[in-house]
C-alpha atoms as a PDB file:
ATOM      1  CA  MET A   1     -15.533   2.694  -9.253  1.00  0.00           C
ATOM      2  CA  ARG A   2     -12.289   4.516 -10.044  1.00  0.00           C
ATOM      3  CA  VAL A   3      -9.791   4.662  -7.188  1.00  0.00           C
ATOM      4  CA  LEU A   4      -6.391   6.250  -6.714  1.00  0.00           C
ATOM      5  CA  VAL A   5      -3.706   4.123  -5.084  1.00  0.00           C
ATOM      6  CA  THR A   6      -0.431   5.580  -3.879  1.00  0.00           C
ATOM      7  CA  GLY A   7       2.344   3.095  -3.219  1.00  0.00           C
ATOM      8  CA  ALA A   8       0.788   0.681  -5.727  1.00  0.00           C
ATOM      9  CA  PRO A   9       4.126  -0.845  -6.813  1.00  0.00           C
ATOM     10  CA  GLY A  10       5.023  -1.666  -3.206  1.00  0.00           C
ATOM     11  CA  PHE A  11       4.600  -4.945  -1.389  1.00  0.00           C
ATOM     12  CA  ILE A  12       1.214  -4.181   0.188  1.00  0.00           C
ATOM     13  CA  GLY A  13       0.207  -1.849  -2.643  1.00  0.00           C
ATOM     14  CA  GLN A  14       0.345  -4.477  -5.376  1.00  0.00           C
ATOM     15  CA  HIS A  15      -1.820  -6.813  -3.284  1.00  0.00           C
ATOM     16  CA  VAL A  16      -4.365  -4.055  -2.632  1.00  0.00           C
ATOM     17  CA  VAL A  17      -4.458  -3.226  -6.357  1.00  0.00           C
ATOM     18  CA  ARG A  18      -5.054  -6.902  -7.180  1.00  0.00           C
ATOM     19  CA  ALA A  19      -7.861  -7.127  -4.604  1.00  0.00           C
ATOM     20  CA  LEU A  20      -9.509  -3.951  -5.893  1.00  0.00           C
ATOM     21  CA  ARG A  21      -9.284  -5.113  -9.532  1.00  0.00           C
ATOM     22  CA  GLU A  22     -10.954  -8.398  -8.534  1.00  0.00           C
ATOM     23  CA  ARG A  23     -13.823  -6.296  -7.209  1.00  0.00           C
ATOM     24  CA  GLY A  24     -14.089  -4.475 -10.543  1.00  0.00           C
ATOM     25  CA  SER A  25     -12.504  -1.179  -9.530  1.00  0.00           C
ATOM     26  CA  LEU A  26     -10.591   0.880 -12.073  1.00  0.00           C
ATOM     27  CA  ILE A  27      -7.171   1.710 -10.665  1.00  0.00           C
ATOM     28  CA  ARG A  28      -5.083   4.825 -11.125  1.00  0.00           C
ATOM     29  CA  ALA A  29      -1.669   4.722  -9.440  1.00  0.00           C
ATOM     30  CA  LEU A  30       0.362   7.746  -8.435  1.00  0.00           C
ATOM     31  CA  VAL A  31       3.981   6.574  -8.599  1.00  0.00           C
ATOM     32  CA  ARG A  32       7.424   8.155  -8.506  1.00  0.00           C
ATOM     33  CA  SER A  33       9.265   8.321 -11.825  1.00  0.00           C
ATOM     34  CA  THR A  34      11.834   5.874 -10.406  1.00  0.00           C
ATOM     35  CA  ALA A  35       9.248   3.289  -9.288  1.00  0.00           C
ATOM     36  CA  ASP A  36       9.364  -0.262 -10.632  1.00  0.00           C
ATOM     37  CA  VAL A  37       5.839  -0.715 -12.024  1.00  0.00           C
ATOM     38  CA  LEU A  38       6.454  -4.101 -13.670  1.00  0.00           C
ATOM     39  CA  ALA A  39       4.194  -5.919 -11.167  1.00  0.00           C
ATOM     40  CA  LEU A  40       1.324  -3.569 -12.095  1.00  0.00           C
ATOM     41  CA  LYS A  41       1.446  -4.213 -15.873  1.00  0.00           C
ATOM     42  CA  PRO A  42      -0.797  -7.333 -15.884  1.00  0.00           C
ATOM     43  CA  LEU A  43      -3.299  -5.597 -13.568  1.00  0.00           C
ATOM     44  CA  ASP A  44      -4.390  -2.939 -16.104  1.00  0.00           C
ATOM     45  CA  VAL A  45      -3.464   0.050 -13.954  1.00  0.00           C
ATOM     46  CA  GLU A  46      -3.403   3.645 -15.207  1.00  0.00           C
ATOM     47  CA  ILE A  47      -0.021   5.067 -14.175  1.00  0.00           C
ATOM     48  CA  CYS A  48       0.379   8.733 -13.198  1.00  0.00           C
ATOM     49  CA  GLN A  49       3.875   9.899 -12.367  1.00  0.00           C
ATOM     50  CA  GLY A  50       4.358  12.191  -9.428  1.00  0.00           C
ATOM     51  CA  LYS A  51       5.145  12.383  -5.746  1.00  0.00           C
ATOM     52  CA  VAL A  52       2.548  12.269  -2.994  1.00  0.00           C
ATOM     53  CA  LEU A  53       4.060  15.419  -1.486  1.00  0.00           C
ATOM     54  CA  ASP A  54       3.471  17.293  -4.757  1.00  0.00           C
ATOM     55  CA  GLN A  55      -0.028  18.629  -4.188  1.00  0.00           C
ATOM     56  CA  ALA A  56      -0.668  19.417  -7.868  1.00  0.00           C
ATOM     57  CA  ALA A  57       0.293  15.868  -8.927  1.00  0.00           C
ATOM     58  CA  TYR A  58      -1.822  14.378  -6.139  1.00  0.00           C
ATOM     59  CA  VAL A  59      -4.877  16.455  -7.039  1.00  0.00           C
ATOM     60  CA  ALA A  60      -4.500  15.711 -10.756  1.00  0.00           C
ATOM     61  CA  ALA A  61      -4.157  11.975 -10.116  1.00  0.00           C
ATOM     62  CA  GLY A  62      -7.177  11.978  -7.801  1.00  0.00           C
ATOM     63  CA  ARG A  63      -9.458  13.805 -10.236  1.00  0.00           C
ATOM     64  CA  ASP A  64     -12.643  11.772 -10.890  1.00  0.00           C
ATOM     65  CA  CYS A  65     -11.650   9.108  -8.336  1.00  0.00           C
ATOM     66  CA  GLU A  66     -14.223   8.066  -5.759  1.00  0.00           C
ATOM     67  CA  ALA A  67     -11.723   6.784  -3.201  1.00  0.00           C
ATOM     68  CA  ILE A  68      -8.040   7.097  -2.381  1.00  0.00           C
ATOM     69  CA  PHE A  69      -5.909   4.328  -0.889  1.00  0.00           C
ATOM     70  CA  HIS A  70      -2.744   5.920   0.464  1.00  0.00           C
ATOM     71  CA  LEU A  71      -0.226   3.092   0.694  1.00  0.00           C
ATOM     72  CA  ALA A  72       2.972   4.990  -0.015  1.00  0.00           C
ATOM     73  CA  ALA A  73       5.341   3.904   2.737  1.00  0.00           C
ATOM     74  CA  ASP A  74       6.448   6.355   5.376  1.00  0.00           C
ATOM     75  CA  TYR A  75       7.527   4.441   8.420  1.00  0.00           C
ATOM     76  CA  ARG A  76       7.316   7.588  10.525  1.00  0.00           C
ATOM     77  CA  LEU A  77       3.711   6.677  11.328  1.00  0.00           C
ATOM     78  CA  TRP A  78       2.993   9.794  13.341  1.00  0.00           C
ATOM     79  CA  THR A  79       3.454  12.136  10.288  1.00  0.00           C
ATOM     80  CA  ALA A  80       0.880  10.261   8.005  1.00  0.00           C
ATOM     81  CA  GLU A  81      -1.358   9.747  11.083  1.00  0.00           C
ATOM     82  CA  ARG A  82      -1.283  13.436  12.083  1.00  0.00           C
ATOM     83  CA  GLU A  83      -2.521  14.526   8.651  1.00  0.00           C
ATOM     84  CA  VAL A  84      -5.218  11.840   8.511  1.00  0.00           C
ATOM     85  CA  LYS A  85      -6.528  12.787  11.956  1.00  0.00           C
ATOM     86  CA  ALA A  86      -6.729  16.434  10.875  1.00  0.00           C
ATOM     87  CA  ALA A  87      -8.649  15.448   7.735  1.00  0.00           C
ATOM     88  CA  VAL A  88     -11.034  13.273   9.767  1.00  0.00           C
ATOM     89  CA  ARG A  89     -11.732  16.221  12.094  1.00  0.00           C
ATOM     90  CA  ALA A  90     -12.608  18.208   8.962  1.00  0.00           C
ATOM     91  CA  GLY A  91     -15.138  15.542   7.914  1.00  0.00           C
ATOM     92  CA  LEU A  92     -13.178  13.157   5.687  1.00  0.00           C
ATOM     93  CA  PRO A  93     -14.121   9.507   6.254  1.00  0.00           C
ATOM     94  CA  ALA A  94     -10.889   7.544   6.711  1.00  0.00           C
ATOM     95  CA  VAL A  95      -9.601   4.239   8.020  1.00  0.00           C
ATOM     96  CA  THR A  96      -5.998   3.781   9.163  1.00  0.00           C
ATOM     97  CA  VAL A  97      -4.342   0.350   9.122  1.00  0.00           C
ATOM     98  CA  TYR A  98      -0.987  -0.457  10.718  1.00  0.00           C
ATOM     99  CA  PRO A  99       0.155  -3.923   9.574  1.00  0.00           C
ATOM    100  CA  THR A 100       3.372  -4.309  11.546  1.00  0.00           C
ATOM    101  CA  MET A 101       4.945  -7.245   9.693  1.00  0.00           C
ATOM    102  CA  PRO A 102       3.177  -8.366   6.521  1.00  0.00           C
ATOM    103  CA  ILE A 103       4.647 -11.427   4.834  1.00  0.00           C
ATOM    104  CA  GLY A 104       3.799 -13.281   1.633  1.00  0.00           C
ATOM    105  CA  PRO A 105       4.325 -13.503  -2.125  1.00  0.00           C
ATOM    106  CA  GLY A 106       5.603 -10.509  -4.059  1.00  0.00           C
ATOM    107  CA  ASP A 107       8.034  -9.283  -1.382  1.00  0.00           C
ATOM    108  CA  ARG A 108      10.645  -8.407  -4.026  1.00  0.00           C
ATOM    109  CA  ARG A 109      13.136  -6.284  -2.081  1.00  0.00           C
ATOM    110  CA  PRO A 110      12.443  -7.911   0.540  1.00  0.00           C
ATOM    111  CA  THR A 111      10.878  -5.961   3.398  1.00  0.00           C
ATOM    112  CA  ALA A 112      12.628  -5.962   6.788  1.00  0.00           C
ATOM    113  CA  GLY A 113      10.310  -8.738   8.010  1.00  0.00           C
ATOM    114  CA  GLY A 114      10.826 -10.781   4.860  1.00  0.00           C
ATOM    115  CA  GLN A 115      14.599 -10.391   5.141  1.00  0.00           C
ATOM    116  CA  MET A 116      14.494 -11.529   8.761  1.00  0.00           C
ATOM    117  CA  ILE A 117      12.690 -14.721   7.708  1.00  0.00           C
ATOM    118  CA  ILE A 118      15.157 -15.331   4.851  1.00  0.00           C
ATOM    119  CA  ASP A 119      18.107 -14.809   7.181  1.00  0.00           C
ATOM    120  CA  PHE A 120      16.632 -17.243   9.696  1.00  0.00           C
ATOM    121  CA  MET A 121      15.930 -19.895   7.056  1.00  0.00           C
ATOM    122  CA  GLN A 122      19.469 -19.577   5.655  1.00  0.00           C
ATOM    123  CA  GLY A 123      21.105 -19.757   9.078  1.00  0.00           C
ATOM    124  CA  ARG A 124      22.333 -16.158   8.973  1.00  0.00           C
ATOM    125  CA  LEU A 125      20.326 -14.906  11.940  1.00  0.00           C
ATOM    126  CA  LEU A 126      23.075 -14.798  14.516  1.00  0.00           C
ATOM    127  CA  LEU A 127      21.056 -13.435  17.387  1.00  0.00           C
ATOM    128  CA  CYS A 128      17.876 -14.665  18.998  1.00  0.00           C
ATOM    129  CA  VAL A 129      15.809 -12.276  21.056  1.00  0.00           C
ATOM    130  CA  GLU A 130      12.615 -13.104  22.872  1.00  0.00           C
ATOM    131  CA  MET A 131       9.992 -10.731  21.524  1.00  0.00           C
ATOM    132  CA  ARG A 132       6.434 -10.608  20.351  1.00  0.00           C
ATOM    133  CA  ILE A 133       5.609  -9.371  16.875  1.00  0.00           C
ATOM    134  CA  ASN A 134       2.435  -9.003  14.907  1.00  0.00           C
ATOM    135  CA  VAL A 135       2.818 -11.037  11.699  1.00  0.00           C
ATOM    136  CA  VAL A 136       0.062 -10.935   9.078  1.00  0.00           C
ATOM    137  CA  ALA A 137      -0.353 -12.419   5.610  1.00  0.00           C
ATOM    138  CA  VAL A 138      -0.154  -9.586   3.094  1.00  0.00           C
ATOM    139  CA  GLN A 139      -3.325 -10.885   1.403  1.00  0.00           C
ATOM    140  CA  ASP A 140      -5.187 -10.430   4.712  1.00  0.00           C
ATOM    141  CA  VAL A 141      -4.058  -6.798   4.746  1.00  0.00           C
ATOM    142  CA  ALA A 142      -5.207  -6.257   1.150  1.00  0.00           C
ATOM    143  CA  ASP A 143      -8.595  -8.009   1.176  1.00  0.00           C
ATOM    144  CA  PRO A 144     -10.454  -5.588   3.503  1.00  0.00           C
ATOM    145  CA  HIS A 145      -9.586  -2.740   1.123  1.00  0.00           C
ATOM    146  CA  ARG A 146     -11.574  -4.539  -1.560  1.00  0.00           C
ATOM    147  CA  ALA A 147     -14.636  -4.623   0.706  1.00  0.00           C
ATOM    148  CA  THR A 148     -14.688  -0.821   0.871  1.00  0.00           C
ATOM    149  CA  CYS A 149     -15.279  -0.481  -2.871  1.00  0.00           C
ATOM    150  CA  SER A 150     -18.187  -1.710  -4.900  1.00  0.00           C
ATOM    151  CA  ALA A 151     -17.885  -2.237  -8.640  1.00  0.00           C
ATOM    152  CA  ALA A 152     -19.024   0.683 -10.759  1.00  0.00           C
END
């Protein structure tokens, strides 16, 4: 099965790509020209340059793909969610996942959650606040994606 993955070079994206490749999926990634795709090289990913907001690039990248995994980060959840809900009303099958604080290997930048853990471990977290957060292993976010695709 050929799938399109947006956000493939990102923290969650690279784990989803790895999980899908383990299932036998062929991966095409739509990435910005400035994206660091080094982590994707050993995963045998077809790279298409373009932006997700460029409809022509998105359509071209999605041609002959059986599924799309939209993982390009936009932390304004309501904008991606609004479009997905409209597409679902029009008949598109979709699943939305909101992992609030994924942690794990491959967090190169690091993410805000990863940086908070680093700061704590290095004694740089100067403020403690009582709060509840949803922490999840990034692999546990990626693995269910694999279950949605069967090998071609």
